[in-house]
Every structure is written in structure tokens, then in C-alpha cells.
Amino acid sequence: RRVSALADIDELVRMWAVERYIGQFDGYSSFKSGLQPSNYYLHSDEQGRFSMLPWSTDGSWVLAFGFDAEGGGVMFNQCLADPGCLTRYREEVRKLSGLLSGLDARAQQIAGVIAPWVARDPRKETSAEGAALGQQLTRNYMAARPGAVRAWLAPPEANPGGSAPKAVGVAPTAQSLPGRLALRLSLRRRHRSVPRVIGLRTRCTNACRIGLLSYANPPR
């Protein structure tokens, strides 16, 4: 209640649900790594009530981590610990899953439409095979997410062990990330790097580069 007077809780919870659903690994509610929370703004209305504006979601639809795994944002973690807020969050994740059901089929349609233009692009950063692989991995993620939501929301009696799963998916680590991500790093001026994940580009700091290198080269 105290926070409700200062922040739009419904909007915040909805944003965190979206971040977790799409696997936004570099946002406010992203997995706890020392680099988060990141990529958000706070906006105050005329009454002094704040909402949160996310940005830089270009690394989404790759890493699936638990819906209630601890994140880097304090408010998100406190929401998970508060029964009332957690109920709101679970409901937003449930609604989002229904809203985005079938998104993988839509993505496949879009891939077919843009395929000729991808092939003709003189500045493409990956091969046609690489682009196709990236599209397939994205569609696989989209297709699997509704099932992950159902498993997370399942009541205790629906599970043989007698308790609902704490989280579906885990916070990504060097050991858990698939080598097929084929993450390539290109050094840029001013000691910046541009990680290329299936043709997607985003700026990265030195600290981020170290983390991404560990993701791209998991120990065997």
C-alpha cells in the first residue's frame, strides 16, 4: 500500500511479467548478475506517481529463466516476497501467455515475408543459414514459453512431488547456455564491443564483454 501511493504497481508488475516472459536478460527484473538492473527509466506523472519505461530489449527471445527466480531489481524481488504482489504478477504472466499464444506461427509467417529481402541485404551480418538458425531458435523459444507458464502456475496436486515448481528455467550461467548461440564479439573503437547474436546488434561495455565471452565459451 505504501508503494502504491508512489508507483503504478499494476504497470510495474505487467512490465516485469513481460521481461521474464520474453527472456529480457538485460532489464530491470533480469537475473541477478551484478550488471542489473539496467535499461529502464522512471517517469513521474503530475501527482508524483512513478511508472517504469523499459528499453533496449534487443537481446530477448533467447534465454529462458525462471519466472520467480531472484532478479537484479530490488522492487521485483520484494514483489516476489509479497503474497499480494506475487498474485498480481502470476496473473499478469498467465494473461500474457494467452495473449502471445501462437506467436511462433506468426513469427514463421514474418520470416517467410522478409526472406527475399534478407537474402538481398548487402550489409547482412550473418549467412542465410545463420539467419535461418536464429529465426528457428526464436520460434522454438516462443513455442515453449506457454508450456513453461502452465508448469509454473500448476497447483501442487498437479505435480508428482506434491509441490508446484519454484521456477521453470534457470538464471543463465556459463554452464547452462547452449553452445549453439554462436555468439561472436567484434571489438570496436573506445574499447567497446558489439556482440552479434544471430544477427542482432547491441552495444556492450567491457564488463558485459567478459560476461558474454563466458556465455559463448562454456566450460566443458
C-alpha atoms as a PDB file:
ATOM      1  CA  ARG A   1       0.000   0.000   0.000  1.00  0.00           C
ATOM      2  CA  ARG A   2       2.808   2.395   0.802  1.00  0.00           C
ATOM      3  CA  VAL A   3       4.369   1.792  -2.599  1.00  0.00           C
ATOM      4  CA  SER A   4       1.016   2.136  -4.391  1.00  0.00           C
ATOM      5  CA  ALA A   5       0.901   5.819  -3.457  1.00  0.00           C
ATOM      6  CA  LEU A   6       4.244   6.382  -5.166  1.00  0.00           C
ATOM      7  CA  ALA A   7       4.202   3.955  -8.086  1.00  0.00           C
ATOM      8  CA  ASP A   8       1.802   2.395 -10.573  1.00  0.00           C
ATOM      9  CA  ILE A   9       2.106  -1.157  -9.257  1.00  0.00           C
ATOM     10  CA  ASP A  10      -0.074  -2.697 -11.954  1.00  0.00           C
ATOM     11  CA  GLU A  11       2.122  -1.191 -14.666  1.00  0.00           C
ATOM     12  CA  LEU A  12       5.320  -2.280 -12.931  1.00  0.00           C
ATOM     13  CA  VAL A  13       4.142  -5.841 -12.442  1.00  0.00           C
ATOM     14  CA  ARG A  14       2.976  -6.034 -16.053  1.00  0.00           C
ATOM     15  CA  MET A  15       6.373  -4.849 -17.257  1.00  0.00           C
ATOM     16  CA  TRP A  16       8.235  -7.388 -15.123  1.00  0.00           C
ATOM     17  CA  ALA A  17       5.970 -10.163 -16.403  1.00  0.00           C
ATOM     18  CA  VAL A  18       6.813  -9.217 -19.986  1.00  0.00           C
ATOM     19  CA  GLU A  19      10.544  -9.046 -19.252  1.00  0.00           C
ATOM     20  CA  ARG A  20      10.545 -12.516 -17.723  1.00  0.00           C
ATOM     21  CA  TYR A  21       8.339 -14.000 -20.423  1.00  0.00           C
ATOM     22  CA  ILE A  22      10.476 -12.780 -23.339  1.00  0.00           C
ATOM     23  CA  GLY A  23      13.765 -13.505 -21.561  1.00  0.00           C
ATOM     24  CA  GLN A  24      14.988  -9.920 -21.347  1.00  0.00           C
ATOM     25  CA  PHE A  25      18.382 -10.653 -19.789  1.00  0.00           C
ATOM     26  CA  ASP A  26      19.437  -7.008 -19.542  1.00  0.00           C
ATOM     27  CA  GLY A  27      16.442  -5.297 -17.937  1.00  0.00           C
ATOM     28  CA  TYR A  28      15.124  -4.361 -14.505  1.00  0.00           C
ATOM     29  CA  SER A  29      13.881  -7.802 -13.455  1.00  0.00           C
ATOM     30  CA  SER A  30      16.641  -9.746 -15.211  1.00  0.00           C
ATOM     31  CA  PHE A  31      18.599 -12.471 -13.452  1.00  0.00           C
ATOM     32  CA  LYS A  32      20.954 -11.302 -10.747  1.00  0.00           C
ATOM     33  CA  SER A  33      24.415 -10.900 -12.269  1.00  0.00           C
ATOM     34  CA  GLY A  34      25.949  -7.688 -10.931  1.00  0.00           C
ATOM     35  CA  LEU A  35      25.103  -5.816 -14.148  1.00  0.00           C
ATOM     36  CA  GLN A  36      21.386  -5.431 -13.453  1.00  0.00           C
ATOM     37  CA  PRO A  37      19.006  -3.703 -13.031  1.00  0.00           C
ATOM     38  CA  SER A  38      19.517  -1.985 -16.358  1.00  0.00           C
ATOM     39  CA  ASN A  39      17.770  -0.412 -19.342  1.00  0.00           C
ATOM     40  CA  TYR A  40      14.810   1.373 -17.778  1.00  0.00           C
ATOM     41  CA  TYR A  41      13.636   4.883 -16.983  1.00  0.00           C
ATOM     42  CA  LEU A  42      11.372   6.118 -14.204  1.00  0.00           C
ATOM     43  CA  HIS A  43       8.631   8.568 -15.194  1.00  0.00           C
ATOM     44  CA  SER A  44       6.618  10.641 -12.742  1.00  0.00           C
ATOM     45  CA  ASP A  45       3.129  11.926 -13.517  1.00  0.00           C
ATOM     46  CA  GLU A  46       1.756  15.235 -12.231  1.00  0.00           C
ATOM     47  CA  GLN A  47       0.737  13.589  -8.956  1.00  0.00           C
ATOM     48  CA  GLY A  48       4.263  12.303  -8.343  1.00  0.00           C
ATOM     49  CA  ARG A  49       3.339   8.686  -9.107  1.00  0.00           C
ATOM     50  CA  PHE A  50       6.038   6.762 -10.933  1.00  0.00           C
ATOM     51  CA  SER A  51       5.911   4.281 -13.770  1.00  0.00           C
ATOM     52  CA  MET A  52       8.790   2.388 -15.373  1.00  0.00           C
ATOM     53  CA  LEU A  53       9.754   2.648 -19.044  1.00  0.00           C
ATOM     54  CA  PRO A  54      11.792  -0.276 -20.422  1.00  0.00           C
ATOM     55  CA  TRP A  55      14.148  -0.056 -23.378  1.00  0.00           C
ATOM     56  CA  SER A  56      16.913  -1.975 -25.188  1.00  0.00           C
ATOM     57  CA  THR A  57      15.126  -5.322 -25.399  1.00  0.00           C
ATOM     58  CA  ASP A  58      17.092  -6.482 -28.442  1.00  0.00           C
ATOM     59  CA  GLY A  59      18.586  -9.478 -26.632  1.00  0.00           C
ATOM     60  CA  SER A  60      15.221 -11.088 -25.855  1.00  0.00           C
ATOM     61  CA  TRP A  61      13.722 -14.414 -27.005  1.00  0.00           C
ATOM     62  CA  VAL A  62      16.979 -16.299 -26.382  1.00  0.00           C
ATOM     63  CA  LEU A  63      17.437 -17.146 -22.684  1.00  0.00           C
ATOM     64  CA  ALA A  64      14.588 -18.688 -20.696  1.00  0.00           C
ATOM     65  CA  PHE A  65      14.967 -18.182 -16.962  1.00  0.00           C
ATOM     66  CA  GLY A  66      12.575 -18.811 -14.084  1.00  0.00           C
ATOM     67  CA  PHE A  67       9.566 -16.583 -13.661  1.00  0.00           C
ATOM     68  CA  ASP A  68      10.202 -16.283  -9.936  1.00  0.00           C
ATOM     69  CA  ALA A  69      13.981 -16.616  -9.846  1.00  0.00           C
ATOM     70  CA  GLU A  70      15.660 -13.772  -7.979  1.00  0.00           C
ATOM     71  CA  GLY A  71      16.375 -10.766 -10.183  1.00  0.00           C
ATOM     72  CA  GLY A  72      18.649  -7.751 -10.080  1.00  0.00           C
ATOM     73  CA  GLY A  73      15.893  -5.221  -9.273  1.00  0.00           C
ATOM     74  CA  VAL A  74      15.004  -4.656  -5.607  1.00  0.00           C
ATOM     75  CA  MET A  75      11.329  -3.902  -6.258  1.00  0.00           C
ATOM     76  CA  PHE A  76      10.912  -7.041  -8.358  1.00  0.00           C
ATOM     77  CA  ASN A  77      12.405  -9.221  -5.619  1.00  0.00           C
ATOM     78  CA  GLN A  78      10.218  -7.565  -2.994  1.00  0.00           C
ATOM     79  CA  CYS A  79       7.199  -8.199  -5.185  1.00  0.00           C
ATOM     80  CA  LEU A  80       8.036 -11.905  -5.280  1.00  0.00           C
ATOM     81  CA  ALA A  81       8.251 -11.904  -1.479  1.00  0.00           C
ATOM     82  CA  ASP A  82       4.884 -10.165  -1.010  1.00  0.00           C
ATOM     83  CA  PRO A  83       1.869 -12.517  -1.364  1.00  0.00           C
ATOM     84  CA  GLY A  84      -0.413  -9.835  -2.793  1.00  0.00           C
ATOM     85  CA  CYS A  85       2.096  -8.577  -5.334  1.00  0.00           C
ATOM     86  CA  LEU A  86       3.114 -12.119  -6.278  1.00  0.00           C
ATOM     87  CA  THR A  87      -0.538 -12.937  -7.003  1.00  0.00           C
ATOM     88  CA  ARG A  88      -0.750  -9.927  -9.328  1.00  0.00           C
ATOM     89  CA  TYR A  89       2.463 -10.942 -11.039  1.00  0.00           C
ATOM     90  CA  ARG A  90       1.331 -14.521 -11.571  1.00  0.00           C
ATOM     91  CA  GLU A  91      -1.926 -13.292 -13.085  1.00  0.00           C
ATOM     92  CA  GLU A  92      -0.085 -10.976 -15.477  1.00  0.00           C
ATOM     93  CA  VAL A  93       2.181 -13.827 -16.594  1.00  0.00           C
ATOM     94  CA  ARG A  94      -0.899 -16.006 -17.144  1.00  0.00           C
ATOM     95  CA  LYS A  95      -2.666 -13.350 -19.227  1.00  0.00           C
ATOM     96  CA  LEU A  96       0.481 -12.665 -21.217  1.00  0.00           C
ATOM     97  CA  SER A  97       0.852 -16.335 -22.057  1.00  0.00           C
ATOM     98  CA  GLY A  98      -2.640 -16.407 -23.504  1.00  0.00           C
ATOM     99  CA  LEU A  99      -2.139 -13.173 -25.405  1.00  0.00           C
ATOM    100  CA  LEU A 100       1.069 -14.425 -27.038  1.00  0.00           C
ATOM    101  CA  SER A 101      -0.082 -17.975 -27.728  1.00  0.00           C
ATOM    102  CA  GLY A 102       0.655 -18.823 -31.353  1.00  0.00           C
ATOM    103  CA  LEU A 103       3.319 -16.159 -31.639  1.00  0.00           C
ATOM    104  CA  ASP A 104       5.743 -18.709 -33.086  1.00  0.00           C
ATOM    105  CA  ALA A 105       3.437 -19.273 -36.060  1.00  0.00           C
ATOM    106  CA  ARG A 106       3.208 -15.535 -36.628  1.00  0.00           C
ATOM    107  CA  ALA A 107       6.998 -15.283 -36.484  1.00  0.00           C
ATOM    108  CA  GLN A 108       7.266 -18.006 -39.113  1.00  0.00           C
ATOM    109  CA  GLN A 109       4.922 -16.066 -41.403  1.00  0.00           C
ATOM    110  CA  ILE A 110       7.013 -12.914 -40.977  1.00  0.00           C
ATOM    111  CA  ALA A 111      10.208 -14.858 -41.683  1.00  0.00           C
ATOM    112  CA  GLY A 112       8.731 -16.002 -44.988  1.00  0.00           C
ATOM    113  CA  VAL A 113       7.771 -12.468 -45.961  1.00  0.00           C
ATOM    114  CA  ILE A 114      11.181 -10.962 -45.250  1.00  0.00           C
ATOM    115  CA  ALA A 115      13.251 -13.900 -46.570  1.00  0.00           C
ATOM    116  CA  PRO A 116      13.877 -12.368 -50.051  1.00  0.00           C
ATOM    117  CA  TRP A 117      14.995  -9.107 -48.507  1.00  0.00           C
ATOM    118  CA  VAL A 118      17.278 -10.867 -46.026  1.00  0.00           C
ATOM    119  CA  ALA A 119      18.932 -12.674 -48.936  1.00  0.00           C
ATOM    120  CA  ARG A 120      19.432  -9.421 -50.878  1.00  0.00           C
ATOM    121  CA  ASP A 121      20.707  -7.349 -47.956  1.00  0.00           C
ATOM    122  CA  PRO A 122      24.225  -6.162 -48.916  1.00  0.00           C
ATOM    123  CA  ARG A 123      25.020  -5.353 -45.272  1.00  0.00           C
ATOM    124  CA  LYS A 124      23.811  -8.550 -43.626  1.00  0.00           C
ATOM    125  CA  GLU A 125      25.915  -9.616 -40.671  1.00  0.00           C
ATOM    126  CA  THR A 126      25.350 -13.355 -40.959  1.00  0.00           C
ATOM    127  CA  SER A 127      24.817 -16.003 -43.604  1.00  0.00           C
ATOM    128  CA  ALA A 128      21.409 -17.142 -44.788  1.00  0.00           C
ATOM    129  CA  GLU A 129      21.923 -20.307 -42.747  1.00  0.00           C
ATOM    130  CA  GLY A 130      22.776 -18.262 -39.664  1.00  0.00           C
ATOM    131  CA  ALA A 131      19.673 -16.121 -40.090  1.00  0.00           C
ATOM    132  CA  ALA A 132      17.508 -19.215 -40.519  1.00  0.00           C
ATOM    133  CA  LEU A 133      19.001 -20.776 -37.386  1.00  0.00           C
ATOM    134  CA  GLY A 134      18.363 -17.619 -35.391  1.00  0.00           C
ATOM    135  CA  GLN A 135      14.767 -17.498 -36.564  1.00  0.00           C
ATOM    136  CA  GLN A 136      14.239 -21.149 -35.690  1.00  0.00           C
ATOM    137  CA  LEU A 137      15.700 -20.746 -32.200  1.00  0.00           C
ATOM    138  CA  THR A 138      13.446 -17.746 -31.615  1.00  0.00           C
ATOM    139  CA  ARG A 139      10.373 -19.670 -32.748  1.00  0.00           C
ATOM    140  CA  ASN A 140      11.356 -22.596 -30.517  1.00  0.00           C
ATOM    141  CA  TYR A 141      11.520 -20.224 -27.554  1.00  0.00           C
ATOM    142  CA  MET A 142       8.125 -18.713 -28.386  1.00  0.00           C
ATOM    143  CA  ALA A 143       6.522 -22.127 -28.801  1.00  0.00           C
ATOM    144  CA  ALA A 144       7.869 -23.440 -25.487  1.00  0.00           C
ATOM    145  CA  ARG A 145       7.014 -20.458 -23.287  1.00  0.00           C
ATOM    146  CA  PRO A 146       3.263 -21.107 -22.796  1.00  0.00           C
ATOM    147  CA  GLY A 147       4.047 -24.606 -21.542  1.00  0.00           C
ATOM    148  CA  ALA A 148       6.615 -23.196 -19.147  1.00  0.00           C
ATOM    149  CA  VAL A 149       3.972 -20.812 -17.797  1.00  0.00           C
ATOM    150  CA  ARG A 150       1.451 -23.629 -17.302  1.00  0.00           C
ATOM    151  CA  ALA A 151       4.036 -25.699 -15.420  1.00  0.00           C
ATOM    152  CA  TRP A 152       4.948 -22.760 -13.182  1.00  0.00           C
ATOM    153  CA  LEU A 153       1.320 -21.923 -12.388  1.00  0.00           C
ATOM    154  CA  ALA A 154       0.284 -25.548 -11.833  1.00  0.00           C
ATOM    155  CA  PRO A 155      -1.207 -26.264  -8.370  1.00  0.00           C
ATOM    156  CA  PRO A 156       0.791 -28.544  -6.038  1.00  0.00           C
ATOM    157  CA  GLU A 157      -1.513 -31.525  -6.635  1.00  0.00           C
ATOM    158  CA  ALA A 158      -0.716 -31.382 -10.358  1.00  0.00           C
ATOM    159  CA  ASN A 159       2.891 -32.383  -9.673  1.00  0.00           C
ATOM    160  CA  PRO A 160       4.031 -35.863  -8.585  1.00  0.00           C
ATOM    161  CA  GLY A 161       6.319 -34.403  -5.937  1.00  0.00           C
ATOM    162  CA  GLY A 162       3.419 -32.667  -4.223  1.00  0.00           C
ATOM    163  CA  SER A 163       4.620 -29.108  -4.731  1.00  0.00           C
ATOM    164  CA  ALA A 164       4.495 -26.614  -7.541  1.00  0.00           C
ATOM    165  CA  PRO A 165       7.804 -25.955  -9.278  1.00  0.00           C
ATOM    166  CA  LYS A 166       9.622 -22.995  -7.841  1.00  0.00           C
ATOM    167  CA  ALA A 167      10.762 -21.870 -11.275  1.00  0.00           C
ATOM    168  CA  VAL A 168      10.722 -23.103 -14.834  1.00  0.00           C
ATOM    169  CA  GLY A 169      14.062 -22.389 -16.387  1.00  0.00           C
ATOM    170  CA  VAL A 170      17.056 -21.062 -14.505  1.00  0.00           C
ATOM    171  CA  ALA A 171      19.094 -17.931 -14.428  1.00  0.00           C
ATOM    172  CA  PRO A 172      21.583 -18.382 -17.256  1.00  0.00           C
ATOM    173  CA  THR A 173      25.100 -19.381 -16.367  1.00  0.00           C
ATOM    174  CA  ALA A 174      28.127 -20.344 -18.401  1.00  0.00           C
ATOM    175  CA  GLN A 175      27.191 -23.980 -17.800  1.00  0.00           C
ATOM    176  CA  SER A 176      23.517 -23.660 -18.796  1.00  0.00           C
ATOM    177  CA  LEU A 177      23.751 -21.682 -22.029  1.00  0.00           C
ATOM    178  CA  PRO A 178      23.690 -23.666 -25.275  1.00  0.00           C
ATOM    179  CA  GLY A 179      26.799 -23.503 -27.410  1.00  0.00           C
ATOM    180  CA  ARG A 180      24.565 -23.133 -30.474  1.00  0.00           C
ATOM    181  CA  LEU A 181      24.077 -19.439 -29.696  1.00  0.00           C
ATOM    182  CA  ALA A 182      27.251 -18.916 -31.703  1.00  0.00           C
ATOM    183  CA  LEU A 183      27.920 -15.601 -30.031  1.00  0.00           C
ATOM    184  CA  ARG A 184      30.545 -13.566 -31.854  1.00  0.00           C
ATOM    185  CA  LEU A 185      32.194 -10.483 -30.454  1.00  0.00           C
ATOM    186  CA  SER A 186      33.701  -7.724 -32.559  1.00  0.00           C
ATOM    187  CA  LEU A 187      35.938  -5.127 -30.964  1.00  0.00           C
ATOM    188  CA  ARG A 188      35.064  -1.525 -31.703  1.00  0.00           C
ATOM    189  CA  ARG A 189      36.673   1.832 -31.041  1.00  0.00           C
ATOM    190  CA  ARG A 190      36.889   3.117 -27.459  1.00  0.00           C
ATOM    191  CA  HIS A 191      37.230  -0.448 -26.181  1.00  0.00           C
ATOM    192  CA  ARG A 192      33.602  -1.232 -26.882  1.00  0.00           C
ATOM    193  CA  SER A 193      32.394  -4.458 -28.356  1.00  0.00           C
ATOM    194  CA  VAL A 194      29.389  -5.309 -30.437  1.00  0.00           C
ATOM    195  CA  PRO A 195      28.065  -8.778 -29.627  1.00  0.00           C
ATOM    196  CA  ARG A 196      26.335 -10.398 -32.560  1.00  0.00           C
ATOM    197  CA  VAL A 197      23.658 -12.855 -31.526  1.00  0.00           C
ATOM    198  CA  ILE A 198      22.031 -14.317 -34.606  1.00  0.00           C
ATOM    199  CA  GLY A 199      22.339 -11.043 -36.445  1.00  0.00           C
ATOM    200  CA  LEU A 200      21.140  -8.810 -33.591  1.00  0.00           C
ATOM    201  CA  ARG A 201      23.405  -5.942 -32.581  1.00  0.00           C
ATOM    202  CA  THR A 202      23.708  -4.068 -29.319  1.00  0.00           C
ATOM    203  CA  ARG A 203      26.433  -2.061 -27.594  1.00  0.00           C
ATOM    204  CA  CYS A 204      28.276  -3.655 -24.733  1.00  0.00           C
ATOM    205  CA  THR A 205      30.676  -2.454 -22.032  1.00  0.00           C
ATOM    206  CA  ASN A 206      33.931  -4.158 -21.088  1.00  0.00           C
ATOM    207  CA  ALA A 207      32.251  -5.876 -18.137  1.00  0.00           C
ATOM    208  CA  CYS A 208      29.472  -7.097 -20.396  1.00  0.00           C
ATOM    209  CA  ARG A 209      32.022  -8.366 -22.898  1.00  0.00           C
ATOM    210  CA  ILE A 210      33.629 -10.534 -20.224  1.00  0.00           C
ATOM    211  CA  GLY A 211      30.257 -11.999 -19.302  1.00  0.00           C
ATOM    212  CA  LEU A 212      29.292 -12.662 -22.898  1.00  0.00           C
ATOM    213  CA  LEU A 213      32.588 -14.361 -23.561  1.00  0.00           C
ATOM    214  CA  SER A 214      31.855 -16.757 -20.718  1.00  0.00           C
ATOM    215  CA  TYR A 215      28.409 -17.384 -22.191  1.00  0.00           C
ATOM    216  CA  ALA A 216      29.822 -18.053 -25.639  1.00  0.00           C
ATOM    217  CA  ASN A 217      32.513 -20.408 -24.342  1.00  0.00           C
ATOM    218  CA  PRO A 218      31.028 -22.582 -21.593  1.00  0.00           C
ATOM    219  CA  PRO A 219      33.465 -24.871 -19.797  1.00  0.00           C
ATOM    220  CA  ARG A 220      33.407 -28.474 -20.943  1.00  0.00           C
END
